Amino acid sequence: MNELVPRLIDIVDMGVLVVCARGRVHFANQTLRRALGVDCVAGLEGLGLEPLSLARLRAALEERGPFRVELQQARADGPAALLALGIWTAADTIGPCAVVQFVDISFLRAREDDLRSLVITDQLTHVASRRHLLEQGERALADLQRHERPLAVALVDIDGFKRVNDVAGHATGDIVLAFVAACCADGLRRNDLIGRLGGDEFCIVMPSTELDAAVMVAERLRTLLRRAMKERPPARVDITLSIGVAAARSDDPAFGAVVARADRALLQAKSEGRDRVVVADMPA
């Protein structure tokens, strides 16, 4: 049995490292050596870790765990690996030591990133999802209320979109939605966020933006789409943008109150002939 345990540890599907005092490596199992691309390990430097990762490992060992730390490690045959290290202190005939468990969590983290993308991104248009946009809108409103930073919101609707679906079909409608979203995203500033609320309606959150500046952004988007439709239309369709713009107030109970004002301005833009920007009246 005494001989069996080391053999089992040597072949388990995770890296195992035993470090004695002063950083001398007492044992590094086969899985760890294969993952790091080394034949033998005499000291921590022999692990082949990048300098920053090696420094983090040394610091972690000095803390005498148990705890967990994550390290990036370059790989010659592909992208960098993300290693999760579990560290425990122990004692053996060799004296005090630390046992380090290495697990490659690159795939798990990639899956987490994929799932996060599904939550925060509208899969058709690749702008922010409704949920993510509303969450960021609430944060921006809280920032206004705490730090008196201005906030403006624009609601964007595609004029003629129903006819696109009815005449050209929903597949063409999807192409148009993605085209409009890309045009709008190209015309926004770094801190602006555009998301799809649903159907052919988009919302733009503009933190640290006064109303006049927000109107200029909205007019730029309207002009950009008109130009794009002349130069590189996605289909034989006739579309424009109607946009309602509203400024947030410090006494707004929720982000939805700002969106509601922008929506009323959008309806006014539609009723006045479409293809225009209308600014919401501020409440008295």
C-alpha atoms as a PDB file:
ATOM      1  CA  MET A   1       0.000   0.000   0.000  1.00  0.00           C
ATOM      2  CA  ASN A   2       2.850   2.405   0.841  1.00  0.00           C
ATOM      3  CA  GLU A   3       4.199   2.001  -2.706  1.00  0.00           C
ATOM      4  CA  LEU A   4       0.753   2.210  -4.326  1.00  0.00           C
ATOM      5  CA  VAL A   5      -0.153   5.674  -3.017  1.00  0.00           C
ATOM      6  CA  PRO A   6       2.770   7.520  -4.669  1.00  0.00           C
ATOM      7  CA  ARG A   7       2.037   5.712  -7.937  1.00  0.00           C
ATOM      8  CA  LEU A   8      -1.606   6.755  -7.832  1.00  0.00           C
ATOM      9  CA  ILE A   9      -0.665  10.350  -7.050  1.00  0.00           C
ATOM     10  CA  ASP A  10       1.754  10.274  -9.977  1.00  0.00           C
ATOM     11  CA  ILE A  11      -0.992   9.456 -12.505  1.00  0.00           C
ATOM     12  CA  VAL A  12      -4.061  11.295 -11.144  1.00  0.00           C
ATOM     13  CA  ASP A  13      -5.623  13.746 -13.580  1.00  0.00           C
ATOM     14  CA  MET A  14      -4.272  16.833 -11.822  1.00  0.00           C
ATOM     15  CA  GLY A  15      -0.856  18.235 -11.099  1.00  0.00           C
ATOM     16  CA  VAL A  16       0.534  17.621  -7.608  1.00  0.00           C
ATOM     17  CA  LEU A  17       3.605  19.340  -6.206  1.00  0.00           C
ATOM     18  CA  VAL A  18       5.200  18.911  -2.778  1.00  0.00           C
ATOM     19  CA  VAL A  19       7.486  21.770  -1.777  1.00  0.00           C
ATOM     20  CA  CYS A  20       9.795  21.546   1.233  1.00  0.00           C
ATOM     21  CA  ALA A  21      11.367  24.364   3.171  1.00  0.00           C
ATOM     22  CA  ARG A  22      13.326  26.967   1.188  1.00  0.00           C
ATOM     23  CA  GLY A  23      11.420  26.135  -1.988  1.00  0.00           C
ATOM     24  CA  ARG A  24      13.039  22.777  -2.707  1.00  0.00           C
ATOM     25  CA  VAL A  25      10.700  20.521  -4.700  1.00  0.00           C
ATOM     26  CA  HIS A  26      10.358  17.106  -3.068  1.00  0.00           C
ATOM     27  CA  PHE A  27       7.854  15.678  -5.548  1.00  0.00           C
ATOM     28  CA  ALA A  28       6.184  16.690  -8.823  1.00  0.00           C
ATOM     29  CA  ASN A  29       3.852  14.139 -10.324  1.00  0.00           C
ATOM     30  CA  GLN A  30       3.815  12.994 -13.930  1.00  0.00           C
ATOM     31  CA  THR A  31       0.660  14.939 -14.806  1.00  0.00           C
ATOM     32  CA  LEU A  32       2.214  18.225 -13.667  1.00  0.00           C
ATOM     33  CA  ARG A  33       5.513  17.606 -15.457  1.00  0.00           C
ATOM     34  CA  ARG A  34       3.701  16.741 -18.676  1.00  0.00           C
ATOM     35  CA  ALA A  35       1.415  19.795 -18.453  1.00  0.00           C
ATOM     36  CA  LEU A  36       4.345  22.157 -17.876  1.00  0.00           C
ATOM     37  CA  GLY A  37       6.539  20.459 -20.467  1.00  0.00           C
ATOM     38  CA  VAL A  38       9.408  19.593 -18.112  1.00  0.00           C
ATOM     39  CA  ASP A  39      11.155  16.263 -17.456  1.00  0.00           C
ATOM     40  CA  CYS A  40      12.181  16.838 -13.862  1.00  0.00           C
ATOM     41  CA  VAL A  41      11.714  19.508 -11.210  1.00  0.00           C
ATOM     42  CA  ALA A  42      14.407  20.251  -8.639  1.00  0.00           C
ATOM     43  CA  GLY A  43      13.278  23.725  -7.587  1.00  0.00           C
ATOM     44  CA  LEU A  44      10.422  26.110  -8.240  1.00  0.00           C
ATOM     45  CA  GLU A  45      12.375  27.638 -11.129  1.00  0.00           C
ATOM     46  CA  GLY A  46      12.300  24.241 -12.799  1.00  0.00           C
ATOM     47  CA  LEU A  47       8.526  24.417 -13.154  1.00  0.00           C
ATOM     48  CA  GLY A  48       8.968  26.678 -16.162  1.00  0.00           C
ATOM     49  CA  LEU A  49       6.428  29.174 -14.853  1.00  0.00           C
ATOM     50  CA  GLU A  50       6.423  32.729 -16.164  1.00  0.00           C
ATOM     51  CA  PRO A  51       8.205  35.197 -13.825  1.00  0.00           C
ATOM     52  CA  LEU A  52       4.979  36.783 -12.578  1.00  0.00           C
ATOM     53  CA  SER A  53       3.338  33.408 -11.966  1.00  0.00           C
ATOM     54  CA  LEU A  54       6.455  32.140 -10.192  1.00  0.00           C
ATOM     55  CA  ALA A  55       6.490  35.215  -7.941  1.00  0.00           C
ATOM     56  CA  ARG A  56       2.811  34.711  -7.102  1.00  0.00           C
ATOM     57  CA  LEU A  57       3.429  31.047  -6.273  1.00  0.00           C
ATOM     58  CA  ARG A  58       6.332  31.945  -3.965  1.00  0.00           C
ATOM     59  CA  ALA A  59       4.197  34.554  -2.200  1.00  0.00           C
ATOM     60  CA  ALA A  60       1.352  32.056  -1.823  1.00  0.00           C
ATOM     61  CA  LEU A  61       3.659  29.438  -0.313  1.00  0.00           C
ATOM     62  CA  GLU A  62       4.975  31.948   2.206  1.00  0.00           C
ATOM     63  CA  GLU A  63       1.414  32.562   3.402  1.00  0.00           C
ATOM     64  CA  ARG A  64       1.211  28.883   4.416  1.00  0.00           C
ATOM     65  CA  GLY A  65      -2.375  28.305   3.103  1.00  0.00           C
ATOM     66  CA  PRO A  66      -4.770  26.697   2.825  1.00  0.00           C
ATOM     67  CA  PHE A  67      -6.054  28.883   0.034  1.00  0.00           C
ATOM     68  CA  ARG A  68      -6.457  29.103  -3.730  1.00  0.00           C
ATOM     69  CA  VAL A  69      -4.695  31.183  -6.348  1.00  0.00           C
ATOM     70  CA  GLU A  70      -4.968  31.353 -10.147  1.00  0.00           C
ATOM     71  CA  LEU A  71      -1.990  31.673 -12.500  1.00  0.00           C
ATOM     72  CA  GLN A  72      -1.626  32.224 -16.242  1.00  0.00           C
ATOM     73  CA  GLN A  73       0.874  29.923 -17.927  1.00  0.00           C
ATOM     74  CA  ALA A  74       2.053  30.137 -21.536  1.00  0.00           C
ATOM     75  CA  ARG A  75       1.823  27.013 -23.682  1.00  0.00           C
ATOM     76  CA  ALA A  76       3.862  26.341 -26.808  1.00  0.00           C
ATOM     77  CA  ASP A  77       1.014  24.442 -28.467  1.00  0.00           C
ATOM     78  CA  GLY A  78      -1.813  26.939 -27.952  1.00  0.00           C
ATOM     79  CA  PRO A  79      -3.230  29.796 -25.888  1.00  0.00           C
ATOM     80  CA  ALA A  80      -2.125  30.389 -22.315  1.00  0.00           C
ATOM     81  CA  ALA A  81      -3.508  28.025 -19.705  1.00  0.00           C
ATOM     82  CA  LEU A  82      -5.325  29.207 -16.607  1.00  0.00           C
ATOM     83  CA  LEU A  83      -4.190  27.144 -13.631  1.00  0.00           C
ATOM     84  CA  ALA A  84      -6.053  26.969 -10.336  1.00  0.00           C
ATOM     85  CA  LEU A  85      -3.734  26.177  -7.445  1.00  0.00           C
ATOM     86  CA  GLY A  86      -4.918  24.787  -4.124  1.00  0.00           C
ATOM     87  CA  ILE A  87      -2.250  25.016  -1.424  1.00  0.00           C
ATOM     88  CA  TRP A  88      -2.160  23.189   1.918  1.00  0.00           C
ATOM     89  CA  THR A  89       0.524  22.934   4.569  1.00  0.00           C
ATOM     90  CA  ALA A  90       1.580  19.493   5.743  1.00  0.00           C
ATOM     91  CA  ALA A  91       4.339  17.683   7.576  1.00  0.00           C
ATOM     92  CA  ASP A  92       6.189  14.493   6.709  1.00  0.00           C
ATOM     93  CA  THR A  93       9.472  12.772   7.412  1.00  0.00           C
ATOM     94  CA  ILE A  94      10.998  15.505   5.261  1.00  0.00           C
ATOM     95  CA  GLY A  95       9.705  18.098   7.696  1.00  0.00           C
ATOM     96  CA  PRO A  96       7.246  20.970   7.104  1.00  0.00           C
ATOM     97  CA  CYS A  97       6.103  21.206   3.503  1.00  0.00           C
ATOM     98  CA  ALA A  98       3.356  22.520   1.263  1.00  0.00           C
ATOM     99  CA  VAL A  99       1.206  20.454  -1.075  1.00  0.00           C
ATOM    100  CA  VAL A 100       0.158  22.287  -4.230  1.00  0.00           C
ATOM    101  CA  GLN A 101      -2.630  20.987  -6.464  1.00  0.00           C
ATOM    102  CA  PHE A 102      -2.608  22.276 -10.073  1.00  0.00           C
ATOM    103  CA  VAL A 103      -5.823  22.090 -12.129  1.00  0.00           C
ATOM    104  CA  ASP A 104      -6.150  23.494 -15.662  1.00  0.00           C
ATOM    105  CA  ILE A 105      -9.415  25.466 -15.588  1.00  0.00           C
ATOM    106  CA  SER A 106      -8.973  27.123 -18.995  1.00  0.00           C
ATOM    107  CA  PHE A 107     -11.947  25.268 -20.482  1.00  0.00           C
ATOM    108  CA  LEU A 108     -14.193  26.040 -17.510  1.00  0.00           C
ATOM    109  CA  ARG A 109     -13.312  29.729 -17.624  1.00  0.00           C
ATOM    110  CA  ALA A 110     -13.922  29.816 -21.382  1.00  0.00           C
ATOM    111  CA  ARG A 111     -17.355  28.278 -20.809  1.00  0.00           C
ATOM    112  CA  GLU A 112     -18.074  30.871 -18.114  1.00  0.00           C
ATOM    113  CA  ASP A 113     -17.134  33.614 -20.575  1.00  0.00           C
ATOM    114  CA  ASP A 114     -19.401  32.076 -23.228  1.00  0.00           C
ATOM    115  CA  LEU A 115     -22.341  31.913 -20.815  1.00  0.00           C
ATOM    116  CA  ARG A 116     -21.721  35.477 -19.678  1.00  0.00           C
ATOM    117  CA  SER A 117     -21.713  36.596 -23.306  1.00  0.00           C
ATOM    118  CA  LEU A 118     -25.089  34.913 -23.828  1.00  0.00           C
ATOM    119  CA  VAL A 119     -26.500  36.862 -20.879  1.00  0.00           C
ATOM    120  CA  ILE A 120     -25.112  40.315 -21.705  1.00  0.00           C
ATOM    121  CA  THR A 121     -25.222  40.224 -25.524  1.00  0.00           C
ATOM    122  CA  ASP A 122     -28.151  40.164 -27.925  1.00  0.00           C
ATOM    123  CA  GLN A 123     -27.283  37.217 -30.151  1.00  0.00           C
ATOM    124  CA  LEU A 124     -28.815  38.653 -33.332  1.00  0.00           C
ATOM    125  CA  THR A 125     -27.412  42.179 -33.278  1.00  0.00           C
ATOM    126  CA  HIS A 126     -24.379  41.699 -30.997  1.00  0.00           C
ATOM    127  CA  VAL A 127     -25.212  44.791 -28.958  1.00  0.00           C
ATOM    128  CA  ALA A 128     -26.093  44.632 -25.258  1.00  0.00           C
ATOM    129  CA  SER A 129     -29.025  42.464 -24.255  1.00  0.00           C
ATOM    130  CA  ARG A 130     -32.110  44.065 -22.736  1.00  0.00           C
ATOM    131  CA  ARG A 131     -31.216  42.742 -19.300  1.00  0.00           C
ATOM    132  CA  HIS A 132     -27.629  43.984 -19.410  1.00  0.00           C
ATOM    133  CA  LEU A 133     -28.612  47.388 -20.772  1.00  0.00           C
ATOM    134  CA  LEU A 134     -31.222  47.961 -18.071  1.00  0.00           C
ATOM    135  CA  GLU A 135     -28.757  46.892 -15.376  1.00  0.00           C
ATOM    136  CA  GLN A 136     -26.165  49.346 -16.680  1.00  0.00           C
ATOM    137  CA  GLY A 137     -28.834  52.031 -16.914  1.00  0.00           C
ATOM    138  CA  GLU A 138     -29.693  51.574 -13.241  1.00  0.00           C
ATOM    139  CA  ARG A 139     -26.000  51.859 -12.364  1.00  0.00           C
ATOM    140  CA  ALA A 140     -25.639  55.033 -14.401  1.00  0.00           C
ATOM    141  CA  LEU A 141     -28.694  56.527 -12.689  1.00  0.00           C
ATOM    142  CA  ALA A 142     -27.243  55.649  -9.278  1.00  0.00           C
ATOM    143  CA  ASP A 143     -24.022  57.367 -10.339  1.00  0.00           C
ATOM    144  CA  LEU A 144     -26.016  60.487 -11.208  1.00  0.00           C
ATOM    145  CA  GLN A 145     -27.799  60.449  -7.863  1.00  0.00           C
ATOM    146  CA  ARG A 146     -24.609  59.931  -5.832  1.00  0.00           C
ATOM    147  CA  HIS A 147     -22.106  62.049  -7.729  1.00  0.00           C
ATOM    148  CA  GLU A 148     -24.303  64.427  -9.772  1.00  0.00           C
ATOM    149  CA  ARG A 149     -22.919  63.132 -13.066  1.00  0.00           C
ATOM    150  CA  PRO A 150     -25.332  63.787 -15.946  1.00  0.00           C
ATOM    151  CA  LEU A 151     -27.015  60.945 -17.781  1.00  0.00           C
ATOM    152  CA  ALA A 152     -28.919  60.922 -21.054  1.00  0.00           C
ATOM    153  CA  VAL A 153     -30.892  58.177 -22.765  1.00  0.00           C
ATOM    154  CA  ALA A 154     -31.964  57.749 -26.382  1.00  0.00           C
ATOM    155  CA  LEU A 155     -34.625  55.391 -27.677  1.00  0.00           C
ATOM    156  CA  VAL A 156     -34.145  54.421 -31.324  1.00  0.00           C
ATOM    157  CA  ASP A 157     -36.812  52.909 -33.569  1.00  0.00           C
ATOM    158  CA  ILE A 158     -36.428  51.796 -37.193  1.00  0.00           C
ATOM    159  CA  ASP A 159     -38.937  53.551 -39.445  1.00  0.00           C
ATOM    160  CA  GLY A 160     -40.450  51.187 -42.001  1.00  0.00           C
ATOM    161  CA  PHE A 161     -39.271  48.022 -40.303  1.00  0.00           C
ATOM    162  CA  LYS A 162     -42.711  46.383 -40.231  1.00  0.00           C
ATOM    163  CA  ARG A 163     -42.895  46.734 -44.003  1.00  0.00           C
ATOM    164  CA  VAL A 164     -39.456  45.135 -44.315  1.00  0.00           C
ATOM    165  CA  ASN A 165     -40.709  42.053 -42.466  1.00  0.00           C
ATOM    166  CA  ASP A 166     -44.034  41.978 -44.306  1.00  0.00           C
ATOM    167  CA  VAL A 167     -42.607  42.423 -47.812  1.00  0.00           C
ATOM    168  CA  ALA A 168     -39.018  41.137 -47.717  1.00  0.00           C
ATOM    169  CA  GLY A 169     -39.435  38.532 -44.984  1.00  0.00           C
ATOM    170  CA  HIS A 170     -38.108  38.018 -41.485  1.00  0.00           C
ATOM    171  CA  ALA A 171     -34.691  36.826 -42.674  1.00  0.00           C
ATOM    172  CA  THR A 172     -34.170  40.189 -44.360  1.00  0.00           C
ATOM    173  CA  GLY A 173     -35.564  41.852 -41.255  1.00  0.00           C
ATOM    174  CA  ASP A 174     -32.864  40.175 -39.172  1.00  0.00           C
ATOM    175  CA  ILE A 175     -30.197  41.435 -41.575  1.00  0.00           C
ATOM    176  CA  VAL A 176     -31.572  44.961 -41.302  1.00  0.00           C
ATOM    177  CA  LEU A 177     -31.623  44.806 -37.494  1.00  0.00           C
ATOM    178  CA  ALA A 178     -27.976  43.747 -37.379  1.00  0.00           C
ATOM    179  CA  PHE A 179     -27.064  46.420 -39.934  1.00  0.00           C
ATOM    180  CA  VAL A 180     -28.747  49.216 -37.982  1.00  0.00           C
ATOM    181  CA  ALA A 181     -27.207  48.042 -34.714  1.00  0.00           C
ATOM    182  CA  ALA A 182     -23.736  48.065 -36.280  1.00  0.00           C
ATOM    183  CA  CYS A 183     -24.261  51.537 -37.779  1.00  0.00           C
ATOM    184  CA  CYS A 184     -25.368  52.925 -34.424  1.00  0.00           C
ATOM    185  CA  ALA A 185     -22.554  51.224 -32.514  1.00  0.00           C
ATOM    186  CA  ASP A 186     -20.007  52.711 -34.928  1.00  0.00           C
ATOM    187  CA  GLY A 187     -21.351  56.200 -34.242  1.00  0.00           C
ATOM    188  CA  LEU A 188     -21.229  56.036 -30.451  1.00  0.00           C
ATOM    189  CA  ARG A 189     -18.527  57.186 -28.081  1.00  0.00           C
ATOM    190  CA  ARG A 190     -16.416  54.908 -25.895  1.00  0.00           C
ATOM    191  CA  ASN A 191     -18.578  55.147 -22.760  1.00  0.00           C
ATOM    192  CA  ASP A 192     -21.941  54.940 -24.526  1.00  0.00           C
ATOM    193  CA  LEU A 193     -23.820  51.637 -24.438  1.00  0.00           C
ATOM    194  CA  ILE A 194     -26.392  50.505 -26.974  1.00  0.00           C
ATOM    195  CA  GLY A 195     -28.713  47.593 -26.332  1.00  0.00           C
ATOM    196  CA  ARG A 196     -31.730  46.024 -27.964  1.00  0.00           C
ATOM    197  CA  LEU A 197     -34.901  46.403 -25.939  1.00  0.00           C
ATOM    198  CA  GLY A 198     -36.893  44.176 -28.263  1.00  0.00           C
ATOM    199  CA  GLY A 199     -38.164  44.044 -31.827  1.00  0.00           C
ATOM    200  CA  ASP A 200     -36.698  46.966 -33.755  1.00  0.00           C
ATOM    201  CA  GLU A 201     -36.238  49.217 -30.727  1.00  0.00           C
ATOM    202  CA  PHE A 202     -32.829  50.048 -29.308  1.00  0.00           C
ATOM    203  CA  CYS A 203     -31.820  52.040 -26.250  1.00  0.00           C
ATOM    204  CA  ILE A 204     -28.615  54.028 -25.782  1.00  0.00           C
ATOM    205  CA  VAL A 205     -27.278  54.847 -22.319  1.00  0.00           C
ATOM    206  CA  MET A 206     -24.977  57.887 -22.346  1.00  0.00           C
ATOM    207  CA  PRO A 207     -23.250  58.385 -18.972  1.00  0.00           C
ATOM    208  CA  SER A 208     -21.688  61.754 -18.110  1.00  0.00           C
ATOM    209  CA  THR A 209     -23.601  63.341 -20.987  1.00  0.00           C
ATOM    210  CA  GLU A 210     -25.662  66.518 -20.972  1.00  0.00           C
ATOM    211  CA  LEU A 211     -28.868  66.666 -23.001  1.00  0.00           C
ATOM    212  CA  ASP A 212     -27.432  68.879 -25.771  1.00  0.00           C
ATOM    213  CA  ALA A 213     -24.543  66.481 -26.338  1.00  0.00           C
ATOM    214  CA  ALA A 214     -26.939  63.517 -26.388  1.00  0.00           C
ATOM    215  CA  VAL A 215     -29.022  65.189 -29.091  1.00  0.00           C
ATOM    216  CA  MET A 216     -25.868  65.652 -31.176  1.00  0.00           C
ATOM    217  CA  VAL A 217     -25.111  61.939 -30.806  1.00  0.00           C
ATOM    218  CA  ALA A 218     -28.660  61.035 -31.850  1.00  0.00           C
ATOM    219  CA  GLU A 219     -28.521  63.294 -34.905  1.00  0.00           C
ATOM    220  CA  ARG A 220     -25.189  61.766 -35.873  1.00  0.00           C
ATOM    221  CA  LEU A 221     -26.664  58.262 -35.734  1.00  0.00           C
ATOM    222  CA  ARG A 222     -29.615  59.285 -37.876  1.00  0.00           C
ATOM    223  CA  THR A 223     -27.267  60.824 -40.452  1.00  0.00           C
ATOM    224  CA  LEU A 224     -24.919  57.841 -40.407  1.00  0.00           C
ATOM    225  CA  LEU A 225     -27.743  55.436 -41.189  1.00  0.00           C
ATOM    226  CA  ARG A 226     -29.049  57.566 -44.056  1.00  0.00           C
ATOM    227  CA  ARG A 227     -25.550  57.672 -45.544  1.00  0.00           C
ATOM    228  CA  ALA A 228     -25.024  53.929 -45.049  1.00  0.00           C
ATOM    229  CA  MET A 229     -28.333  53.159 -46.744  1.00  0.00           C
ATOM    230  CA  LYS A 230     -27.155  55.089 -49.808  1.00  0.00           C
ATOM    231  CA  GLU A 231     -23.619  53.710 -49.912  1.00  0.00           C
ATOM    232  CA  ARG A 232     -24.009  50.086 -48.761  1.00  0.00           C
ATOM    233  CA  PRO A 233     -27.636  49.113 -48.141  1.00  0.00           C
ATOM    234  CA  PRO A 234     -28.050  45.615 -46.637  1.00  0.00           C
ATOM    235  CA  ALA A 235     -31.128  44.970 -48.792  1.00  0.00           C
ATOM    236  CA  ARG A 236     -33.525  46.772 -51.116  1.00  0.00           C
ATOM    237  CA  VAL A 237     -35.436  48.441 -48.309  1.00  0.00           C
ATOM    238  CA  ASP A 238     -36.244  51.986 -47.260  1.00  0.00           C
ATOM    239  CA  ILE A 239     -35.573  52.658 -43.589  1.00  0.00           C
ATOM    240  CA  THR A 240     -34.734  55.650 -41.403  1.00  0.00           C
ATOM    241  CA  LEU A 241     -34.466  56.282 -37.668  1.00  0.00           C
ATOM    242  CA  SER A 242     -36.798  58.014 -35.241  1.00  0.00           C
ATOM    243  CA  ILE A 243     -35.123  58.853 -31.938  1.00  0.00           C
ATOM    244  CA  GLY A 244     -36.401  60.138 -28.614  1.00  0.00           C
ATOM    245  CA  VAL A 245     -33.877  61.644 -26.194  1.00  0.00           C
ATOM    246  CA  ALA A 246     -34.330  62.282 -22.477  1.00  0.00           C
ATOM    247  CA  ALA A 247     -32.157  63.466 -19.605  1.00  0.00           C
ATOM    248  CA  ALA A 248     -32.190  61.670 -16.277  1.00  0.00           C
ATOM    249  CA  ARG A 249     -33.038  63.504 -13.073  1.00  0.00           C
ATOM    250  CA  SER A 250     -31.678  62.941  -9.601  1.00  0.00           C
ATOM    251  CA  ASP A 251     -35.208  62.277  -8.325  1.00  0.00           C
ATOM    252  CA  ASP A 252     -36.032  59.624 -10.938  1.00  0.00           C
ATOM    253  CA  PRO A 253     -37.197  56.572  -8.944  1.00  0.00           C
ATOM    254  CA  ALA A 254     -35.703  54.127 -11.447  1.00  0.00           C
ATOM    255  CA  PHE A 255     -34.050  53.967 -14.849  1.00  0.00           C
ATOM    256  CA  GLY A 256     -37.416  53.014 -16.312  1.00  0.00           C
ATOM    257  CA  ALA A 257     -38.657  56.546 -15.626  1.00  0.00           C
ATOM    258  CA  VAL A 258     -35.989  57.972 -17.945  1.00  0.00           C
ATOM    259  CA  VAL A 259     -36.778  55.369 -20.601  1.00  0.00           C
ATOM    260  CA  ALA A 260     -40.479  56.261 -20.371  1.00  0.00           C
ATOM    261  CA  ARG A 261     -39.726  59.934 -21.099  1.00  0.00           C
ATOM    262  CA  ALA A 262     -37.514  58.979 -24.028  1.00  0.00           C
ATOM    263  CA  ASP A 263     -40.296  56.698 -25.292  1.00  0.00           C
ATOM    264  CA  ARG A 264     -42.807  59.545 -25.250  1.00  0.00           C
ATOM    265  CA  ALA A 265     -40.367  61.657 -27.248  1.00  0.00           C
ATOM    266  CA  LEU A 266     -39.922  58.760 -29.680  1.00  0.00           C
ATOM    267  CA  LEU A 267     -43.683  58.492 -30.188  1.00  0.00           C
ATOM    268  CA  GLN A 268     -43.750  62.221 -30.891  1.00  0.00           C
ATOM    269  CA  ALA A 269     -40.992  61.809 -33.488  1.00  0.00           C
ATOM    270  CA  LYS A 270     -43.077  59.109 -35.161  1.00  0.00           C
ATOM    271  CA  SER A 271     -46.235  61.200 -35.136  1.00  0.00           C
ATOM    272  CA  GLU A 272     -44.442  64.239 -36.575  1.00  0.00           C
ATOM    273  CA  GLY A 273     -43.321  62.391 -39.682  1.00  0.00           C
ATOM    274  CA  ARG A 274     -40.481  60.070 -38.571  1.00  0.00           C
ATOM    275  CA  ASP A 275     -36.793  60.323 -39.475  1.00  0.00           C
ATOM    276  CA  ARG A 276     -36.113  62.880 -36.762  1.00  0.00           C
ATOM    277  CA  VAL A 277     -34.883  63.422 -33.215  1.00  0.00           C
ATOM    278  CA  VAL A 278     -37.254  64.727 -30.539  1.00  0.00           C
ATOM    279  CA  VAL A 279     -36.204  65.789 -27.042  1.00  0.00           C
ATOM    280  CA  ALA A 280     -38.424  64.899 -24.100  1.00  0.00           C
ATOM    281  CA  ASP A 281     -39.829  67.726 -22.004  1.00  0.00           C
ATOM    282  CA  MET A 282     -38.356  67.781 -18.524  1.00  0.00           C
ATOM    283  CA  PRO A 283     -40.947  67.300 -15.767  1.00  0.00           C
ATOM    284  CA  ALA A 284     -41.783  70.429 -13.824  1.00  0.00           C
END
